[in-house]
Amino acid sequence: MVLMEYLKEVEGKRVHDYVEVKMGKMRRVVGVVGAVIVGAGPSGLAAAACLKQKGIPSLILERADCIASMWEFKTYDRLCLHLPKQFCQLPLMPFPQHLPSYPTKQQFLAYLKAYANHFHIKPTFSRTVVSANYDHRCGCWRVKTQDFKKEETEYVCDWLIVATGENAEEFVPQIQGMGEFEGPILHTSSYKSGSIFCGKKVLVVGCGNSGMEVCLDLCNHNALPSLVVRDTVHILPQQMFGKSTFGLSMCLLKWFPVRLVDKFLLLMSHLILGDTAQFGLHRPKIGPLELKNLYGKTPVLDVGTLAHIKSGKIKVCRGIKQLAQHKVEFVDGKTENFDAIIMATGYKSNVPTWLKGSEMFCEKDGLPRKAFPNGWKGENGLYAVGFSNRGLLGASIDAKRIAEDIEHCWKAAKTT
């Protein structure tokens, strides 16, 4: 392979591991036979397992000190998978049968750890990727990392798989007066439970699945939540006819076009949930599935929040104009005092900060639309898994495709 040819150039040093001195600074250089995978979340684990099944080695680089650090440290306690487990399992190893249809956060983490152990996946932890670029001279990828001591290591490989996901960094919009607000302002990544907000007036900004579920959790802990709904939103029941709405949708899409399935979903949602517009939750003109396909905006699957909105336990507010001390002024001119603000404003990709040629990425969400025309494969041995806007199911599909594609190159190189 190209990598091995390059490593021959450094004969006299260790073939796969040597030290390079540049401008008085030592940097360890490691040659990786196989693929380097950036990120030890579900996407990275899936890619490594699929490659291993085909006899192709890989090395996972992970900035944290554990697998699935986002799930471990940046999710709230009551979190359960929003989709049934059969749509969230990783390739080659299903969830245990005894688990409920919607596994809890802890059950999912236990599954991921068992998955890594089953496939003998051992990531290299505490390695933050600071840059990755394709070296046309040697025909290899150069992936530079730093550990917690700021010591540098460069990994050289034939294939680079980006598996850091769409949710690598918190997105917090800037609101006028944020520095003046005297109560805590925290992102949902720091929210664990509503118990510390008992009796407090809390404003939740963002009406996606996380924002809606945080409001429900606050209600369950006797807080007084209000929900900022700035845009239109599709809210669907989590289940229809005793089956998951997602599963039913996937089944219908095998036989009917997206727009017809959308009409069915909206009709059933109206019958089950009622007219959400009368509670300040206006629906987009585009149907939920078509909206997801076109813009990646996921519909909210209601797990009980809407009932509290209907009863008045959760107030719906318009967008925020500005903040001051404990006061929030909304765009409709109304003002109200709050004790805390929780930003359920989502995440963004961090790929543009370290992948050279990041101008190929959409700066808004970091999705590799131009670099990866078909969503998972780029040029020169560059791949992406988990950027398809299809959650864990999409990541599993990407991982299988990537392994099959690399296998062709792997076999071809062995025959030459």
Foldseek 3Di string as FASTA:
>chain_A
DLLQVVLVVVPVAPSAWGWDADPNAIAIEGEDQFEEEEAQELLSLLLQLLLVVLVGHYAYEEQAPDGNVLLVQQAAQADWALAFQVLQDFPPDGQDPPADRTHGSVSVVVVSVVSCVVSVHDHDYQWAFQAWEQDPVSLWIWTWTAGPVRHIYIYTYQAYEYECALFNFDDDDDAAAPVAAAAAEEESRNHYALQVQAQFEEEEEDDAQSSLVNLVRVVVNNHQYEYEDADAAAEFACDDPNHGPVVVLVVVVVPDPPQVSLVVRVVVRCVVLNDCVVLVHHHDPDGQVVCCQPPLRHHHHDPDSSVCSVVVSYHYAYDWRHDHHQKTAHPVGDIDGGNYYYYHPGGADPVLSHYPVQVCADPVHRQNCRQDVPRFDGPSNYGYANRNSSHSSRSNVSSNVSSVVVSVVVVVVVVD
